Amino acid sequence: MFMLTHLAGFGAGGKSVVAVAGATGTAIGDMNAVGALSNAFDGVAEASTDADRVQKTNSDTGFVGKDWGAGSTKEVTKVEMLGTSNLGFCEQRTNVTIEIRGHSSAPSAGTEGTLLGTTGSIADTTSLVTVNVATPQAFRYVWAYLSASGGSLGHIYMGDMTIYEQV
């Protein structure tokens, strides 16, 4: 017997998967050394300037994400991210691990909450990175936690981030 369980553009149970508008919610995180945290959600893929990215200076870790607001949650299915167009996600480090996390309370260090998906350790890149969430769960706070390794201490960057949800 043949049973269709997923269609392109649809999540589990026939729910639609849509990109959350960048202006939805409030940007959160500790990557605020350069520019506003909202720069990570401005839709600008060419993020080589301070006005188009977020950064945590002289650090191997950083996080940036969204607070959907009191009483609001999003059932995240995937997150697409770009580092800077010239330096990737980490300056002077060779590898980066990106974890997508969610929680009902605001993060303070970025390592709290439920791990929804991860890249594992990957070579730093200027290309699009996608983290798929195998089991979508609804959370008020959703963020990307970046951890760099290899090479020498530098900066952590997020050029652009698009969060997808089931509706």
C-alpha atoms as a PDB file:
ATOM      1  CA  MET A   1       0.000   0.000   0.000  1.00  0.00           C
ATOM      2  CA  PHE A   2       1.334   3.448  -0.953  1.00  0.00           C
ATOM      3  CA  MET A   3       0.927   6.318   1.525  1.00  0.00           C
ATOM      4  CA  LEU A   4       2.082   9.887   0.892  1.00  0.00           C
ATOM      5  CA  THR A   5       3.326  11.429   4.146  1.00  0.00           C
ATOM      6  CA  HIS A   6       5.214  14.559   3.052  1.00  0.00           C
ATOM      7  CA  LEU A   7       4.986  16.934   0.132  1.00  0.00           C
ATOM      8  CA  ALA A   8       7.576  19.528  -0.876  1.00  0.00           C
ATOM      9  CA  GLY A   9       6.822  22.701   1.081  1.00  0.00           C
ATOM     10  CA  PHE A  10       4.843  20.734   3.640  1.00  0.00           C
ATOM     11  CA  GLY A  11       5.863  19.403   7.042  1.00  0.00           C
ATOM     12  CA  ALA A  12       4.543  16.553   9.114  1.00  0.00           C
ATOM     13  CA  GLY A  13       0.807  16.021   9.033  1.00  0.00           C
ATOM     14  CA  GLY A  14       0.381  18.175   5.929  1.00  0.00           C
ATOM     15  CA  LYS A  15       1.423  21.385   7.705  1.00  0.00           C
ATOM     16  CA  SER A  16       2.972  24.065   5.504  1.00  0.00           C
ATOM     17  CA  VAL A  17       6.609  25.064   6.020  1.00  0.00           C
ATOM     18  CA  VAL A  18       7.180  28.805   5.654  1.00  0.00           C
ATOM     19  CA  ALA A  19      10.007  31.234   6.285  1.00  0.00           C
ATOM     20  CA  VAL A  20       9.377  33.475   9.283  1.00  0.00           C
ATOM     21  CA  ALA A  21       9.637  37.132   8.225  1.00  0.00           C
ATOM     22  CA  GLY A  22      12.872  38.680   9.489  1.00  0.00           C
ATOM     23  CA  ALA A  23      11.000  41.504  11.228  1.00  0.00           C
ATOM     24  CA  THR A  24       8.888  39.043  13.261  1.00  0.00           C
ATOM     25  CA  GLY A  25       9.858  38.855  16.943  1.00  0.00           C
ATOM     26  CA  THR A  26      12.796  40.465  18.714  1.00  0.00           C
ATOM     27  CA  ALA A  27      16.417  39.594  17.979  1.00  0.00           C
ATOM     28  CA  ILE A  28      18.337  38.151  20.950  1.00  0.00           C
ATOM     29  CA  GLY A  29      21.923  37.119  21.557  1.00  0.00           C
ATOM     30  CA  ASP A  30      25.406  38.163  22.573  1.00  0.00           C
ATOM     31  CA  MET A  31      26.809  38.846  19.096  1.00  0.00           C
ATOM     32  CA  ASN A  32      26.329  42.603  19.370  1.00  0.00           C
ATOM     33  CA  ALA A  33      29.899  43.937  19.065  1.00  0.00           C
ATOM     34  CA  VAL A  34      29.148  45.276  15.584  1.00  0.00           C
ATOM     35  CA  GLY A  35      25.732  46.373  14.358  1.00  0.00           C
ATOM     36  CA  ALA A  36      22.285  45.594  15.713  1.00  0.00           C
ATOM     37  CA  LEU A  37      21.288  41.978  16.399  1.00  0.00           C
ATOM     38  CA  SER A  38      18.455  42.479  13.909  1.00  0.00           C
ATOM     39  CA  ASN A  39      21.106  42.639  11.131  1.00  0.00           C
ATOM     40  CA  ALA A  40      21.175  38.829  11.265  1.00  0.00           C
ATOM     41  CA  PHE A  41      17.564  38.812  10.000  1.00  0.00           C
ATOM     42  CA  ASP A  42      17.636  41.615   7.422  1.00  0.00           C
ATOM     43  CA  GLY A  43      17.758  39.328   4.378  1.00  0.00           C
ATOM     44  CA  VAL A  44      21.072  40.779   3.167  1.00  0.00           C
ATOM     45  CA  ALA A  45      23.152  37.861   1.904  1.00  0.00           C
ATOM     46  CA  GLU A  46      26.199  40.020   1.089  1.00  0.00           C
ATOM     47  CA  ALA A  47      27.274  40.560   4.683  1.00  0.00           C
ATOM     48  CA  SER A  48      30.852  41.789   4.451  1.00  0.00           C
ATOM     49  CA  THR A  49      30.186  45.165   6.089  1.00  0.00           C
ATOM     50  CA  ASP A  50      29.435  46.015   9.719  1.00  0.00           C
ATOM     51  CA  ALA A  51      25.952  47.214   8.764  1.00  0.00           C
ATOM     52  CA  ASP A  52      24.976  43.798   7.379  1.00  0.00           C
ATOM     53  CA  ARG A  53      26.194  41.349  10.015  1.00  0.00           C
ATOM     54  CA  VAL A  54      26.430  40.623  13.723  1.00  0.00           C
ATOM     55  CA  GLN A  55      29.672  39.801  15.459  1.00  0.00           C
ATOM     56  CA  LYS A  56      31.139  38.739  18.778  1.00  0.00           C
ATOM     57  CA  THR A  57      34.710  40.019  19.001  1.00  0.00           C
ATOM     58  CA  ASN A  58      37.649  37.922  20.236  1.00  0.00           C
ATOM     59  CA  SER A  59      35.524  34.924  21.081  1.00  0.00           C
ATOM     60  CA  ASP A  60      35.153  31.288  20.040  1.00  0.00           C
ATOM     61  CA  THR A  61      31.424  31.214  20.837  1.00  0.00           C
ATOM     62  CA  GLY A  62      28.349  33.352  20.273  1.00  0.00           C
ATOM     63  CA  PHE A  63      24.608  33.127  19.779  1.00  0.00           C
ATOM     64  CA  VAL A  64      21.870  34.990  17.931  1.00  0.00           C
ATOM     65  CA  GLY A  65      18.197  34.222  17.497  1.00  0.00           C
ATOM     66  CA  LYS A  66      14.623  35.321  18.124  1.00  0.00           C
ATOM     67  CA  ASP A  67      12.160  35.890  20.946  1.00  0.00           C
ATOM     68  CA  TRP A  68       8.683  35.480  19.452  1.00  0.00           C
ATOM     69  CA  GLY A  69       7.079  37.337  22.390  1.00  0.00           C
ATOM     70  CA  ALA A  70       4.974  36.457  25.414  1.00  0.00           C
ATOM     71  CA  GLY A  71       2.411  33.797  24.553  1.00  0.00           C
ATOM     72  CA  SER A  72       3.908  33.177  21.094  1.00  0.00           C
ATOM     73  CA  THR A  73       5.842  30.147  19.863  1.00  0.00           C
ATOM     74  CA  LYS A  74       7.159  28.865  16.547  1.00  0.00           C
ATOM     75  CA  GLU A  75       7.488  25.201  15.549  1.00  0.00           C
ATOM     76  CA  VAL A  76      10.871  25.436  13.819  1.00  0.00           C
ATOM     77  CA  THR A  77      11.640  22.961  11.012  1.00  0.00           C
ATOM     78  CA  LYS A  78      14.954  24.309   9.714  1.00  0.00           C
ATOM     79  CA  VAL A  79      17.305  27.271   9.837  1.00  0.00           C
ATOM     80  CA  GLU A  80      19.370  28.590   6.922  1.00  0.00           C
ATOM     81  CA  MET A  81      22.440  30.685   7.730  1.00  0.00           C
ATOM     82  CA  LEU A  82      25.210  32.586   6.024  1.00  0.00           C
ATOM     83  CA  GLY A  83      28.419  33.802   7.597  1.00  0.00           C
ATOM     84  CA  THR A  84      30.065  36.858   6.115  1.00  0.00           C
ATOM     85  CA  SER A  85      30.757  36.794   2.395  1.00  0.00           C
ATOM     86  CA  ASN A  86      34.479  37.332   2.963  1.00  0.00           C
ATOM     87  CA  LEU A  87      35.258  35.589   6.293  1.00  0.00           C
ATOM     88  CA  GLY A  88      32.537  32.980   6.804  1.00  0.00           C
ATOM     89  CA  PHE A  89      31.318  32.347  10.366  1.00  0.00           C
ATOM     90  CA  CYS A  90      34.660  32.652  12.169  1.00  0.00           C
ATOM     91  CA  GLU A  91      37.734  34.720  11.559  1.00  0.00           C
ATOM     92  CA  GLN A  92      41.070  32.901  11.953  1.00  0.00           C
ATOM     93  CA  ARG A  93      39.459  29.652  13.132  1.00  0.00           C
ATOM     94  CA  THR A  94      39.162  26.753  10.675  1.00  0.00           C
ATOM     95  CA  ASN A  95      36.045  24.947  11.918  1.00  0.00           C
ATOM     96  CA  VAL A  96      32.639  25.921  13.234  1.00  0.00           C
ATOM     97  CA  THR A  97      29.801  24.008  14.889  1.00  0.00           C
ATOM     98  CA  ILE A  98      26.327  25.553  14.719  1.00  0.00           C
ATOM     99  CA  GLU A  99      23.599  24.308  17.029  1.00  0.00           C
ATOM    100  CA  ILE A 100      19.950  25.332  16.751  1.00  0.00           C
ATOM    101  CA  ARG A 101      18.395  25.557  20.216  1.00  0.00           C
ATOM    102  CA  GLY A 102      14.995  26.390  21.624  1.00  0.00           C
ATOM    103  CA  HIS A 103      13.524  27.116  25.050  1.00  0.00           C
ATOM    104  CA  SER A 104      10.627  28.714  26.867  1.00  0.00           C
ATOM    105  CA  SER A 105      13.038  31.028  28.755  1.00  0.00           C
ATOM    106  CA  ALA A 106      15.580  33.498  27.409  1.00  0.00           C
ATOM    107  CA  PRO A 107      19.115  32.124  27.033  1.00  0.00           C
ATOM    108  CA  SER A 108      22.033  33.819  28.758  1.00  0.00           C
ATOM    109  CA  ALA A 109      25.003  31.799  27.468  1.00  0.00           C
ATOM    110  CA  GLY A 110      23.439  30.199  24.383  1.00  0.00           C
ATOM    111  CA  THR A 111      24.051  26.623  25.524  1.00  0.00           C
ATOM    112  CA  GLU A 112      20.757  26.324  27.418  1.00  0.00           C
ATOM    113  CA  GLY A 113      17.548  24.824  26.126  1.00  0.00           C
ATOM    114  CA  THR A 114      16.768  21.934  23.830  1.00  0.00           C
ATOM    115  CA  LEU A 115      19.148  21.016  21.012  1.00  0.00           C
ATOM    116  CA  LEU A 116      16.977  20.939  17.873  1.00  0.00           C
ATOM    117  CA  GLY A 117      19.700  20.254  15.310  1.00  0.00           C
ATOM    118  CA  THR A 118      23.391  20.760  14.596  1.00  0.00           C
ATOM    119  CA  THR A 119      25.889  20.956  11.771  1.00  0.00           C
ATOM    120  CA  GLY A 120      28.469  19.060  13.780  1.00  0.00           C
ATOM    121  CA  SER A 121      31.974  20.408  13.236  1.00  0.00           C
ATOM    122  CA  ILE A 122      32.316  21.706   9.661  1.00  0.00           C
ATOM    123  CA  ALA A 123      35.020  23.630   7.838  1.00  0.00           C
ATOM    124  CA  ASP A 124      34.330  27.358   8.048  1.00  0.00           C
ATOM    125  CA  THR A 125      32.490  28.477   4.942  1.00  0.00           C
ATOM    126  CA  THR A 126      31.037  31.469   3.128  1.00  0.00           C
ATOM    127  CA  SER A 127      28.334  29.191   1.659  1.00  0.00           C
ATOM    128  CA  LEU A 128      24.765  28.688   2.853  1.00  0.00           C
ATOM    129  CA  VAL A 129      24.492  26.315   5.825  1.00  0.00           C
ATOM    130  CA  THR A 130      21.183  24.579   6.622  1.00  0.00           C
ATOM    131  CA  VAL A 131      20.303  22.846   9.871  1.00  0.00           C
ATOM    132  CA  ASN A 132      17.187  20.667   9.638  1.00  0.00           C
ATOM    133  CA  VAL A 133      15.123  19.944  12.736  1.00  0.00           C
ATOM    134  CA  ALA A 134      14.166  16.250  12.790  1.00  0.00           C
ATOM    135  CA  THR A 135      11.425  16.667  15.408  1.00  0.00           C
ATOM    136  CA  PRO A 136       9.938  20.180  15.346  1.00  0.00           C
ATOM    137  CA  GLN A 137       8.921  21.549  18.732  1.00  0.00           C
ATOM    138  CA  ALA A 138       7.274  24.858  19.613  1.00  0.00           C
ATOM    139  CA  PHE A 139       9.382  27.354  21.566  1.00  0.00           C
ATOM    140  CA  ARG A 140       9.203  31.048  22.408  1.00  0.00           C
ATOM    141  CA  TYR A 141      12.984  31.477  22.036  1.00  0.00           C
ATOM    142  CA  VAL A 142      14.961  29.967  19.135  1.00  0.00           C
ATOM    143  CA  TRP A 143      18.627  30.670  18.413  1.00  0.00           C
ATOM    144  CA  ALA A 144      21.821  29.527  16.714  1.00  0.00           C
ATOM    145  CA  TYR A 145      24.798  28.840  18.981  1.00  0.00           C
ATOM    146  CA  LEU A 146      28.153  29.002  17.178  1.00  0.00           C
ATOM    147  CA  SER A 147      31.384  27.475  18.434  1.00  0.00           C
ATOM    148  CA  ALA A 148      34.663  27.806  16.531  1.00  0.00           C
ATOM    149  CA  SER A 149      37.808  25.692  16.775  1.00  0.00           C
ATOM    150  CA  GLY A 150      41.200  25.228  15.125  1.00  0.00           C
ATOM    151  CA  GLY A 151      43.522  28.068  14.202  1.00  0.00           C
ATOM    152  CA  SER A 152      43.780  31.117  16.456  1.00  0.00           C
ATOM    153  CA  LEU A 153      41.315  33.290  18.353  1.00  0.00           C
ATOM    154  CA  GLY A 154      39.280  35.636  16.185  1.00  0.00           C
ATOM    155  CA  HIS A 155      35.680  36.780  15.850  1.00  0.00           C
ATOM    156  CA  ILE A 156      32.359  34.944  15.414  1.00  0.00           C
ATOM    157  CA  TYR A 157      29.959  36.215  12.696  1.00  0.00           C
ATOM    158  CA  MET A 158      26.410  35.725  11.447  1.00  0.00           C
ATOM    159  CA  GLY A 159      25.654  37.367   8.127  1.00  0.00           C
ATOM    160  CA  ASP A 160      22.059  36.285   7.688  1.00  0.00           C
ATOM    161  CA  MET A 161      19.675  33.783   9.238  1.00  0.00           C
ATOM    162  CA  THR A 162      16.265  32.536   8.043  1.00  0.00           C
ATOM    163  CA  ILE A 163      14.101  30.487  10.388  1.00  0.00           C
ATOM    164  CA  TYR A 164      11.410  28.201   8.934  1.00  0.00           C
ATOM    165  CA  GLU A 165       8.326  27.035  10.827  1.00  0.00           C
ATOM    166  CA  GLN A 166       5.398  24.634  10.402  1.00  0.00           C
ATOM    167  CA  VAL A 167       1.985  26.323  10.270  1.00  0.00           C
END
